[in-house]
Amino acid sequence: MEQLGSFTLDDLRDIMRACAGVTDSVDLDSAIDDITFEDLGYDSLAVLEMAAKLQNHLGVVIPDDVAEQLPTPRALAEYVNVRLAPEEQMPSPTPAAAAEAR
């Protein structure tokens, strides 16, 4: 998989191949970005399986109700990327501020 914050559709394709749902008639290497999971042959159970794999591999929690609202591979990849993006770094406290906090 890619580095944090750069989860790609190719990464998602790998996970999709590992989950139930895809048939031989679906070419995951084609432009699937905006095709619904349902049209790709993935039912809600397969989408939940993908969400579980993403949580296990990347630590990104995708609640079941949210997973059901992500209709396409692009939407799912964007959701994951937002959660992988590094949070803004807060400045380190000065030594005096750190001593006061104790």
PDB file of N, CA and C in Angstrom:
ATOM      1  N   MET A   1       0.829  -1.175   0.000  1.00  0.00           N
ATOM      2  CA  MET A   1       0.000   0.000   0.000  1.00  0.00           C
ATOM      3  C   MET A   1       0.884   1.252   0.000  1.00  0.00           C
ATOM      4  N   GLU A   2       0.264   2.342  -0.367  1.00  0.00           N
ATOM      5  CA  GLU A   2       0.970   3.605  -0.454  1.00  0.00           C
ATOM      6  C   GLU A   2       1.205   4.185   0.934  1.00  0.00           C
ATOM      7  N   GLN A   3       2.013   5.256   0.982  1.00  0.00           N
ATOM      8  CA  GLN A   3       2.255   5.924   2.244  1.00  0.00           C
ATOM      9  C   GLN A   3       0.976   6.584   2.741  1.00  0.00           C
ATOM     10  N   LEU A   4       0.955   6.907   4.022  1.00  0.00           N
ATOM     11  CA  LEU A   4      -0.227   7.498   4.606  1.00  0.00           C
ATOM     12  C   LEU A   4      -0.617   8.766   3.881  1.00  0.00           C
ATOM     13  N   GLY A   5      -1.899   8.963   3.701  1.00  0.00           N
ATOM     14  CA  GLY A   5      -2.403  10.156   3.052  1.00  0.00           C
ATOM     15  C   GLY A   5      -2.453  10.046   1.547  1.00  0.00           C
ATOM     16  N   SER A   6      -2.009   8.929   0.999  1.00  0.00           N
ATOM     17  CA  SER A   6      -2.036   8.780  -0.457  1.00  0.00           C
ATOM     18  C   SER A   6      -2.612   7.418  -0.860  1.00  0.00           C
ATOM     19  N   PHE A   7      -3.716   7.089  -0.255  1.00  0.00           N
ATOM     20  CA  PHE A   7      -4.425   5.863  -0.600  1.00  0.00           C
ATOM     21  C   PHE A   7      -5.037   6.065  -1.982  1.00  0.00           C
ATOM     22  N   THR A   8      -4.718   5.191  -2.915  1.00  0.00           N
ATOM     23  CA  THR A   8      -5.139   5.384  -4.298  1.00  0.00           C
ATOM     24  C   THR A   8      -6.248   4.418  -4.688  1.00  0.00           C
ATOM     25  N   LEU A   9      -6.840   4.685  -5.820  1.00  0.00           N
ATOM     26  CA  LEU A   9      -7.843   3.765  -6.356  1.00  0.00           C
ATOM     27  C   LEU A   9      -7.216   2.417  -6.682  1.00  0.00           C
ATOM     28  N   ASP A  10      -5.947   2.410  -7.067  1.00  0.00           N
ATOM     29  CA  ASP A  10      -5.273   1.132  -7.300  1.00  0.00           C
ATOM     30  C   ASP A  10      -5.166   0.336  -5.999  1.00  0.00           C
ATOM     31  N   ASP A  11      -4.900   1.032  -4.887  1.00  0.00           N
ATOM     32  CA  ASP A  11      -4.875   0.362  -3.588  1.00  0.00           C
ATOM     33  C   ASP A  11      -6.252  -0.227  -3.277  1.00  0.00           C
ATOM     34  N   LEU A  12      -7.290   0.549  -3.568  1.00  0.00           N
ATOM     35  CA  LEU A  12      -8.642   0.080  -3.318  1.00  0.00           C
ATOM     36  C   LEU A  12      -8.984  -1.107  -4.214  1.00  0.00           C
ATOM     37  N   ARG A  13      -8.516  -1.079  -5.446  1.00  0.00           N
ATOM     38  CA  ARG A  13      -8.762  -2.214  -6.349  1.00  0.00           C
ATOM     39  C   ARG A  13      -8.209  -3.514  -5.747  1.00  0.00           C
ATOM     40  N   ASP A  14      -7.027  -3.431  -5.142  1.00  0.00           N
ATOM     41  CA  ASP A  14      -6.440  -4.618  -4.514  1.00  0.00           C
ATOM     42  C   ASP A  14      -7.353  -5.154  -3.418  1.00  0.00           C
ATOM     43  N   ILE A  15      -7.910  -4.261  -2.627  1.00  0.00           N
ATOM     44  CA  ILE A  15      -8.812  -4.683  -1.561  1.00  0.00           C
ATOM     45  C   ILE A  15     -10.109  -5.223  -2.145  1.00  0.00           C
ATOM     46  N   MET A  16     -10.596  -4.579  -3.197  1.00  0.00           N
ATOM     47  CA  MET A  16     -11.830  -5.044  -3.832  1.00  0.00           C
ATOM     48  C   MET A  16     -11.661  -6.452  -4.383  1.00  0.00           C
ATOM     49  N   ARG A  17     -10.498  -6.749  -4.923  1.00  0.00           N
ATOM     50  CA  ARG A  17     -10.251  -8.095  -5.462  1.00  0.00           C
ATOM     51  C   ARG A  17     -10.264  -9.142  -4.355  1.00  0.00           C
ATOM     52  N   ALA A  18      -9.876  -8.735  -3.150  1.00  0.00           N
ATOM     53  CA  ALA A  18      -9.814  -9.664  -2.030  1.00  0.00           C
ATOM     54  C   ALA A  18     -11.168  -9.871  -1.360  1.00  0.00           C
ATOM     55  N   CYS A  19     -12.161  -9.072  -1.738  1.00  0.00           N
ATOM     56  CA  CYS A  19     -13.483  -9.156  -1.122  1.00  0.00           C
ATOM     57  C   CYS A  19     -14.465  -9.827  -2.064  1.00  0.00           C
ATOM     58  N   ALA A  20     -15.480 -10.384  -1.474  1.00  0.00           N
ATOM     59  CA  ALA A  20     -16.542 -11.005  -2.275  1.00  0.00           C
ATOM     60  C   ALA A  20     -17.271  -9.947  -3.072  1.00  0.00           C
ATOM     61  N   GLY A  21     -17.732 -10.313  -4.231  1.00  0.00           N
ATOM     62  CA  GLY A  21     -18.571  -9.397  -4.982  1.00  0.00           C
ATOM     63  C   GLY A  21     -18.254  -9.328  -6.458  1.00  0.00           C
ATOM     64  N   VAL A  22     -17.002  -9.161  -6.810  1.00  0.00           N
ATOM     65  CA  VAL A  22     -16.668  -8.946  -8.211  1.00  0.00           C
ATOM     66  C   VAL A  22     -16.878 -10.227  -9.018  1.00  0.00           C
ATOM     67  N   THR A  23     -17.420 -10.049 -10.189  1.00  0.00           N
ATOM     68  CA  THR A  23     -17.596 -11.183 -11.097  1.00  0.00           C
ATOM     69  C   THR A  23     -16.571 -11.068 -12.214  1.00  0.00           C
ATOM     70  N   ASP A  24     -16.441 -12.109 -12.995  1.00  0.00           N
ATOM     71  CA  ASP A  24     -15.496 -12.084 -14.107  1.00  0.00           C
ATOM     72  C   ASP A  24     -15.861 -11.040 -15.157  1.00  0.00           C
ATOM     73  N   SER A  25     -17.115 -10.631 -15.187  1.00  0.00           N
ATOM     74  CA  SER A  25     -17.545  -9.656 -16.192  1.00  0.00           C
ATOM     75  C   SER A  25     -17.135  -8.227 -15.833  1.00  0.00           C
ATOM     76  N   VAL A  26     -16.667  -7.990 -14.610  1.00  0.00           N
ATOM     77  CA  VAL A  26     -16.263  -6.656 -14.181  1.00  0.00           C
ATOM     78  C   VAL A  26     -14.755  -6.530 -14.297  1.00  0.00           C
ATOM     79  N   ASP A  27     -14.320  -5.520 -15.039  1.00  0.00           N
ATOM     80  CA  ASP A  27     -12.893  -5.243 -15.192  1.00  0.00           C
ATOM     81  C   ASP A  27     -12.507  -4.155 -14.210  1.00  0.00           C
ATOM     82  N   LEU A  28     -11.942  -4.553 -13.066  1.00  0.00           N
ATOM     83  CA  LEU A  28     -11.564  -3.583 -12.048  1.00  0.00           C
ATOM     84  C   LEU A  28     -10.445  -2.658 -12.506  1.00  0.00           C
ATOM     85  N   ASP A  29      -9.745  -3.023 -13.575  1.00  0.00           N
ATOM     86  CA  ASP A  29      -8.675  -2.167 -14.077  1.00  0.00           C
ATOM     87  C   ASP A  29      -9.190  -1.069 -14.997  1.00  0.00           C
ATOM     88  N   SER A  30     -10.481  -1.098 -15.296  1.00  0.00           N
ATOM     89  CA  SER A  30     -11.065  -0.043 -16.129  1.00  0.00           C
ATOM     90  C   SER A  30     -11.403   1.158 -15.250  1.00  0.00           C
ATOM     91  N   ALA A  31     -12.041   2.145 -15.828  1.00  0.00           N
ATOM     92  CA  ALA A  31     -12.409   3.373 -15.116  1.00  0.00           C
ATOM     93  C   ALA A  31     -13.630   3.106 -14.236  1.00  0.00           C
ATOM     94  N   ILE A  32     -13.386   2.616 -13.027  1.00  0.00           N
ATOM     95  CA  ILE A  32     -14.471   2.269 -12.108  1.00  0.00           C
ATOM     96  C   ILE A  32     -14.718   3.357 -11.069  1.00  0.00           C
ATOM     97  N   ASP A  33     -13.964   4.429 -11.123  1.00  0.00           N
ATOM     98  CA  ASP A  33     -13.967   5.452 -10.079  1.00  0.00           C
ATOM     99  C   ASP A  33     -15.370   5.874  -9.644  1.00  0.00           C
ATOM    100  N   ASP A  34     -16.241   6.131 -10.607  1.00  0.00           N
ATOM    101  CA  ASP A  34     -17.559   6.676 -10.306  1.00  0.00           C
ATOM    102  C   ASP A  34     -18.708   5.713 -10.585  1.00  0.00           C
ATOM    103  N   ILE A  35     -18.390   4.442 -10.723  1.00  0.00           N
ATOM    104  CA  ILE A  35     -19.423   3.412 -10.889  1.00  0.00           C
ATOM    105  C   ILE A  35     -19.800   2.933  -9.489  1.00  0.00           C
ATOM    106  N   THR A  36     -21.070   2.820  -9.217  1.00  0.00           N
ATOM    107  CA  THR A  36     -21.476   2.413  -7.873  1.00  0.00           C
ATOM    108  C   THR A  36     -20.993   0.995  -7.577  1.00  0.00           C
ATOM    109  N   PHE A  37     -20.768   0.747  -6.299  1.00  0.00           N
ATOM    110  CA  PHE A  37     -20.371  -0.596  -5.890  1.00  0.00           C
ATOM    111  C   PHE A  37     -21.432  -1.604  -6.309  1.00  0.00           C
ATOM    112  N   GLU A  38     -22.694  -1.209  -6.198  1.00  0.00           N
ATOM    113  CA  GLU A  38     -23.775  -2.107  -6.593  1.00  0.00           C
ATOM    114  C   GLU A  38     -23.652  -2.495  -8.065  1.00  0.00           C
ATOM    115  N   ASP A  39     -23.378  -1.506  -8.928  1.00  0.00           N
ATOM    116  CA  ASP A  39     -23.220  -1.805 -10.356  1.00  0.00           C
ATOM    117  C   ASP A  39     -21.969  -2.634 -10.640  1.00  0.00           C
ATOM    118  N   LEU A  40     -21.009  -2.577  -9.729  1.00  0.00           N
ATOM    119  CA  LEU A  40     -19.795  -3.389  -9.871  1.00  0.00           C
ATOM    120  C   LEU A  40     -19.993  -4.805  -9.323  1.00  0.00           C
ATOM    121  N   GLY A  41     -21.155  -5.054  -8.731  1.00  0.00           N
ATOM    122  CA  GLY A  41     -21.448  -6.379  -8.210  1.00  0.00           C
ATOM    123  C   GLY A  41     -21.155  -6.543  -6.730  1.00  0.00           C
ATOM    124  N   TYR A  42     -20.904  -5.441  -6.024  1.00  0.00           N
ATOM    125  CA  TYR A  42     -20.620  -5.494  -4.592  1.00  0.00           C
ATOM    126  C   TYR A  42     -21.871  -5.131  -3.814  1.00  0.00           C
ATOM    127  N   ASP A  43     -22.383  -6.084  -3.045  1.00  0.00           N
ATOM    128  CA  ASP A  43     -23.543  -5.788  -2.209  1.00  0.00           C
ATOM    129  C   ASP A  43     -23.072  -5.128  -0.914  1.00  0.00           C
ATOM    130  N   SER A  44     -24.004  -4.807  -0.045  1.00  0.00           N
ATOM    131  CA  SER A  44     -23.651  -4.091   1.181  1.00  0.00           C
ATOM    132  C   SER A  44     -22.700  -4.906   2.059  1.00  0.00           C
ATOM    133  N   LEU A  45     -22.846  -6.218   2.064  1.00  0.00           N
ATOM    134  CA  LEU A  45     -21.947  -7.063   2.852  1.00  0.00           C
ATOM    135  C   LEU A  45     -20.511  -6.971   2.330  1.00  0.00           C
ATOM    136  N   ALA A  46     -20.333  -6.950   1.022  1.00  0.00           N
ATOM    137  CA  ALA A  46     -18.994  -6.832   0.438  1.00  0.00           C
ATOM    138  C   ALA A  46     -18.380  -5.470   0.757  1.00  0.00           C
ATOM    139  N   VAL A  47     -19.195  -4.425   0.755  1.00  0.00           N
ATOM    140  CA  VAL A  47     -18.690  -3.084   1.094  1.00  0.00           C
ATOM    141  C   VAL A  47     -18.257  -3.057   2.558  1.00  0.00           C
ATOM    142  N   LEU A  48     -19.029  -3.681   3.437  1.00  0.00           N
ATOM    143  CA  LEU A  48     -18.643  -3.747   4.849  1.00  0.00           C
ATOM    144  C   LEU A  48     -17.360  -4.554   5.029  1.00  0.00           C
ATOM    145  N   GLU A  49     -17.190  -5.585   4.218  1.00  0.00           N
ATOM    146  CA  GLU A  49     -15.949  -6.376   4.259  1.00  0.00           C
ATOM    147  C   GLU A  49     -14.754  -5.505   3.848  1.00  0.00           C
ATOM    148  N   MET A  50     -14.938  -4.683   2.807  1.00  0.00           N
ATOM    149  CA  MET A  50     -13.867  -3.761   2.397  1.00  0.00           C
ATOM    150  C   MET A  50     -13.539  -2.790   3.514  1.00  0.00           C
ATOM    151  N   ALA A  51     -14.569  -2.255   4.167  1.00  0.00           N
ATOM    152  CA  ALA A  51     -14.350  -1.312   5.268  1.00  0.00           C
ATOM    153  C   ALA A  51     -13.557  -1.974   6.393  1.00  0.00           C
ATOM    154  N   ALA A  52     -13.870  -3.229   6.694  1.00  0.00           N
ATOM    155  CA  ALA A  52     -13.143  -3.957   7.742  1.00  0.00           C
ATOM    156  C   ALA A  52     -11.688  -4.175   7.348  1.00  0.00           C
ATOM    157  N   LYS A  53     -11.440  -4.508   6.081  1.00  0.00           N
ATOM    158  CA  LYS A  53     -10.063  -4.703   5.615  1.00  0.00           C
ATOM    159  C   LYS A  53      -9.282  -3.395   5.687  1.00  0.00           C
ATOM    160  N   LEU A  54      -9.927  -2.295   5.327  1.00  0.00           N
ATOM    161  CA  LEU A  54      -9.256  -1.000   5.409  1.00  0.00           C
ATOM    162  C   LEU A  54      -8.908  -0.656   6.850  1.00  0.00           C
ATOM    163  N   GLN A  55      -9.807  -0.971   7.760  1.00  0.00           N
ATOM    164  CA  GLN A  55      -9.516  -0.712   9.164  1.00  0.00           C
ATOM    165  C   GLN A  55      -8.339  -1.564   9.630  1.00  0.00           C
ATOM    166  N   ASN A  56      -8.330  -2.830   9.252  1.00  0.00           N
ATOM    167  CA  ASN A  56      -7.238  -3.720   9.661  1.00  0.00           C
ATOM    168  C   ASN A  56      -5.903  -3.320   9.050  1.00  0.00           C
ATOM    169  N   HIS A  57      -5.896  -2.919   7.787  1.00  0.00           N
ATOM    170  CA  HIS A  57      -4.639  -2.600   7.100  1.00  0.00           C
ATOM    171  C   HIS A  57      -4.150  -1.191   7.360  1.00  0.00           C
ATOM    172  N   LEU A  58      -5.067  -0.233   7.482  1.00  0.00           N
ATOM    173  CA  LEU A  58      -4.670   1.169   7.575  1.00  0.00           C
ATOM    174  C   LEU A  58      -5.064   1.834   8.883  1.00  0.00           C
ATOM    175  N   GLY A  59      -5.901   1.175   9.663  1.00  0.00           N
ATOM    176  CA  GLY A  59      -6.351   1.781  10.911  1.00  0.00           C
ATOM    177  C   GLY A  59      -7.437   2.825  10.730  1.00  0.00           C
ATOM    178  N   VAL A  60      -8.017   2.891   9.545  1.00  0.00           N
ATOM    179  CA  VAL A  60      -9.084   3.853   9.272  1.00  0.00           C
ATOM    180  C   VAL A  60     -10.417   3.215   9.633  1.00  0.00           C
ATOM    181  N   VAL A  61     -11.101   3.820  10.581  1.00  0.00           N
ATOM    182  CA  VAL A  61     -12.390   3.308  11.007  1.00  0.00           C
ATOM    183  C   VAL A  61     -13.471   3.856  10.075  1.00  0.00           C
ATOM    184  N   ILE A  62     -14.232   2.950   9.502  1.00  0.00           N
ATOM    185  CA  ILE A  62     -15.356   3.329   8.649  1.00  0.00           C
ATOM    186  C   ILE A  62     -16.594   2.680   9.258  1.00  0.00           C
ATOM    187  N   PRO A  63     -17.371   3.468  10.016  1.00  0.00           N
ATOM    188  CA  PRO A  63     -18.577   2.899  10.623  1.00  0.00           C
ATOM    189  C   PRO A  63     -19.508   2.319   9.556  1.00  0.00           C
ATOM    190  N   ASP A  64     -20.260   1.298   9.935  1.00  0.00           N
ATOM    191  CA  ASP A  64     -21.145   0.622   8.986  1.00  0.00           C
ATOM    192  C   ASP A  64     -22.089   1.587   8.289  1.00  0.00           C
ATOM    193  N   ASP A  65     -22.679   2.520   9.051  1.00  0.00           N
ATOM    194  CA  ASP A  65     -23.627   3.447   8.436  1.00  0.00           C
ATOM    195  C   ASP A  65     -22.943   4.386   7.453  1.00  0.00           C
ATOM    196  N   VAL A  66     -21.679   4.700   7.696  1.00  0.00           N
ATOM    197  CA  VAL A  66     -20.922   5.545   6.765  1.00  0.00           C
ATOM    198  C   VAL A  66     -20.564   4.735   5.520  1.00  0.00           C
ATOM    199  N   ALA A  67     -20.121   3.510   5.704  1.00  0.00           N
ATOM    200  CA  ALA A  67     -19.752   2.666   4.563  1.00  0.00           C
ATOM    201  C   ALA A  67     -20.911   2.531   3.586  1.00  0.00           C
ATOM    202  N   GLU A  68     -22.118   2.445   4.129  1.00  0.00           N
ATOM    203  CA  GLU A  68     -23.296   2.306   3.276  1.00  0.00           C
ATOM    204  C   GLU A  68     -23.602   3.588   2.497  1.00  0.00           C
ATOM    205  N   GLN A  69     -23.031   4.710   2.921  1.00  0.00           N
ATOM    206  CA  GLN A  69     -23.264   5.994   2.259  1.00  0.00           C
ATOM    207  C   GLN A  69     -22.148   6.365   1.288  1.00  0.00           C
ATOM    208  N   LEU A  70     -21.171   5.504   1.114  1.00  0.00           N
ATOM    209  CA  LEU A  70     -20.069   5.740   0.174  1.00  0.00           C
ATOM    210  C   LEU A  70     -20.333   4.885  -1.062  1.00  0.00           C
ATOM    211  N   PRO A  71     -20.957   5.455  -2.079  1.00  0.00           N
ATOM    212  CA  PRO A  71     -21.487   4.646  -3.177  1.00  0.00           C
ATOM    213  C   PRO A  71     -20.479   4.186  -4.226  1.00  0.00           C
ATOM    214  N   THR A  72     -19.326   4.861  -4.319  1.00  0.00           N
ATOM    215  CA  THR A  72     -18.390   4.565  -5.400  1.00  0.00           C
ATOM    216  C   THR A  72     -16.976   4.375  -4.871  1.00  0.00           C
ATOM    217  N   PRO A  73     -16.103   3.745  -5.652  1.00  0.00           N
ATOM    218  CA  PRO A  73     -14.709   3.630  -5.253  1.00  0.00           C
ATOM    219  C   PRO A  73     -14.057   4.999  -4.981  1.00  0.00           C
ATOM    220  N   ARG A  74     -14.380   6.002  -5.802  1.00  0.00           N
ATOM    221  CA  ARG A  74     -13.803   7.331  -5.579  1.00  0.00           C
ATOM    222  C   ARG A  74     -14.220   7.877  -4.206  1.00  0.00           C
ATOM    223  N   ALA A  75     -15.496   7.747  -3.867  1.00  0.00           N
ATOM    224  CA  ALA A  75     -15.988   8.247  -2.586  1.00  0.00           C
ATOM    225  C   ALA A  75     -15.300   7.540  -1.423  1.00  0.00           C
ATOM    226  N   LEU A  76     -15.119   6.237  -1.530  1.00  0.00           N
ATOM    227  CA  LEU A  76     -14.456   5.475  -0.474  1.00  0.00           C
ATOM    228  C   LEU A  76     -12.990   5.867  -0.356  1.00  0.00           C
ATOM    229  N   ALA A  77     -12.297   5.988  -1.475  1.00  0.00           N
ATOM    230  CA  ALA A  77     -10.880   6.380  -1.444  1.00  0.00           C
ATOM    231  C   ALA A  77     -10.720   7.781  -0.860  1.00  0.00           C
ATOM    232  N   GLU A  78     -11.593   8.697  -1.217  1.00  0.00           N
ATOM    233  CA  GLU A  78     -11.512  10.057  -0.673  1.00  0.00           C
ATOM    234  C   GLU A  78     -11.764  10.049   0.835  1.00  0.00           C
ATOM    235  N   TYR A  79     -12.719   9.264   1.290  1.00  0.00           N
ATOM    236  CA  TYR A  79     -12.997   9.141   2.724  1.00  0.00           C
ATOM    237  C   TYR A  79     -11.748   8.656   3.456  1.00  0.00           C
ATOM    238  N   VAL A  80     -11.116   7.621   2.918  1.00  0.00           N
ATOM    239  CA  VAL A  80      -9.911   7.072   3.543  1.00  0.00           C
ATOM    240  C   VAL A  80      -8.792   8.110   3.555  1.00  0.00           C
ATOM    241  N   ASN A  81      -8.576   8.796   2.456  1.00  0.00           N
ATOM    242  CA  ASN A  81      -7.495   9.774   2.376  1.00  0.00           C
ATOM    243  C   ASN A  81      -7.665  10.918   3.360  1.00  0.00           C
ATOM    244  N   VAL A  82      -8.892  11.367   3.559  1.00  0.00           N
ATOM    245  CA  VAL A  82      -9.122  12.444   4.525  1.00  0.00           C
ATOM    246  C   VAL A  82      -8.696  11.986   5.913  1.00  0.00           C
ATOM    247  N   ARG A  83      -8.950  10.734   6.228  1.00  0.00           N
ATOM    248  CA  ARG A  83      -8.602  10.224   7.550  1.00  0.00           C
ATOM    249  C   ARG A  83      -7.136   9.838   7.679  1.00  0.00           C
ATOM    250  N   LEU A  84      -6.451   9.665   6.575  1.00  0.00           N
ATOM    251  CA  LEU A  84      -5.018   9.357   6.618  1.00  0.00           C
ATOM    252  C   LEU A  84      -4.156  10.610   6.591  1.00  0.00           C
ATOM    253  N   ALA A  85      -4.728  11.730   6.182  1.00  0.00           N
ATOM    254  CA  ALA A  85      -3.952  12.965   6.078  1.00  0.00           C
ATOM    255  C   ALA A  85      -3.409  13.336   7.454  1.00  0.00           C
ATOM    256  N   PRO A  86      -2.137  13.708   7.509  1.00  0.00           N
ATOM    257  CA  PRO A  86      -1.560  14.061   8.812  1.00  0.00           C
ATOM    258  C   PRO A  86      -2.248  15.303   9.374  1.00  0.00           C
ATOM    259  N   GLU A  87      -2.525  15.238  10.664  1.00  0.00           N
ATOM    260  CA  GLU A  87      -3.129  16.390  11.313  1.00  0.00           C
ATOM    261  C   GLU A  87      -2.099  17.502  11.400  1.00  0.00           C
ATOM    262  N   GLU A  88      -2.589  18.725  11.460  1.00  0.00           N
ATOM    263  CA  GLU A  88      -1.680  19.862  11.552  1.00  0.00           C
ATOM    264  C   GLU A  88      -0.835  19.724  12.806  1.00  0.00           C
ATOM    265  N   GLN A  89       0.429  19.956  12.620  1.00  0.00           N
ATOM    266  CA  GLN A  89       1.367  19.869  13.739  1.00  0.00           C
ATOM    267  C   GLN A  89       1.183  21.069  14.662  1.00  0.00           C
ATOM    268  N   MET A  90       0.995  20.805  15.935  1.00  0.00           N
ATOM    269  CA  MET A  90       0.909  21.884  16.905  1.00  0.00           C
ATOM    270  C   MET A  90       2.321  22.226  17.338  1.00  0.00           C
ATOM    271  N   PRO A  91       2.612  23.516  17.559  1.00  0.00           N
ATOM    272  CA  PRO A  91       3.960  23.874  17.994  1.00  0.00           C
ATOM    273  C   PRO A  91       4.273  23.265  19.356  1.00  0.00           C
ATOM    274  N   SER A  92       5.504  22.895  19.524  1.00  0.00           N
ATOM    275  CA  SER A  92       5.940  22.337  20.802  1.00  0.00           C
ATOM    276  C   SER A  92       5.903  23.425  21.858  1.00  0.00           C
ATOM    277  N   PRO A  93       5.484  23.064  23.063  1.00  0.00           N
ATOM    278  CA  PRO A  93       5.460  24.078  24.121  1.00  0.00           C
ATOM    279  C   PRO A  93       6.875  24.475  24.509  1.00  0.00           C
ATOM    280  N   THR A  94       7.005  25.699  24.956  1.00  0.00           N
ATOM    281  CA  THR A  94       8.298  26.177  25.438  1.00  0.00           C
ATOM    282  C   THR A  94       8.611  25.443  26.734  1.00  0.00           C
ATOM    283  N   PRO A  95       9.867  25.373  27.139  1.00  0.00           N
ATOM    284  CA  PRO A  95      10.192  24.690  28.397  1.00  0.00           C
ATOM    285  C   PRO A  95       9.428  25.272  29.587  1.00  0.00           C
ATOM    286  N   ALA A  96       9.241  26.589  29.625  1.00  0.00           N
ATOM    287  CA  ALA A  96       8.519  27.206  30.747  1.00  0.00           C
ATOM    288  C   ALA A  96       7.066  26.751  30.739  1.00  0.00           C
ATOM    289  N   ALA A  97       6.435  26.689  29.577  1.00  0.00           N
ATOM    290  CA  ALA A  97       5.037  26.269  29.494  1.00  0.00           C
ATOM    291  C   ALA A  97       4.904  24.805  29.867  1.00  0.00           C
ATOM    292  N   ALA A  98       5.874  24.000  29.502  1.00  0.00           N
ATOM    293  CA  ALA A  98       5.847  22.578  29.836  1.00  0.00           C
ATOM    294  C   ALA A  98       5.971  22.405  31.355  1.00  0.00           C
ATOM    295  N   ALA A  99       6.808  23.204  31.999  1.00  0.00           N
ATOM    296  CA  ALA A  99       6.987  23.121  33.459  1.00  0.00           C
ATOM    297  C   ALA A  99       5.716  23.541  34.174  1.00  0.00           C
ATOM    298  N   GLU A 100       5.029  24.580  33.637  1.00  0.00           N
ATOM    299  CA  GLU A 100       3.780  25.024  34.236  1.00  0.00           C
ATOM    300  C   GLU A 100       2.690  23.975  34.129  1.00  0.00           C
ATOM    301  N   ALA A 101       2.711  23.189  33.079  1.00  0.00           N
ATOM    302  CA  ALA A 101       1.685  22.193  32.845  1.00  0.00           C
ATOM    303  C   ALA A 101       1.787  21.033  33.842  1.00  0.00           C
ATOM    304  N   ARG A 102       2.941  20.884  34.462  1.00  0.00           N
ATOM    305  CA  ARG A 102       3.150  19.775  35.394  1.00  0.00           C
ATOM    306  C   ARG A 102       2.499  20.042  36.672  1.00  0.00           C
TER     307      ARG A 102
END
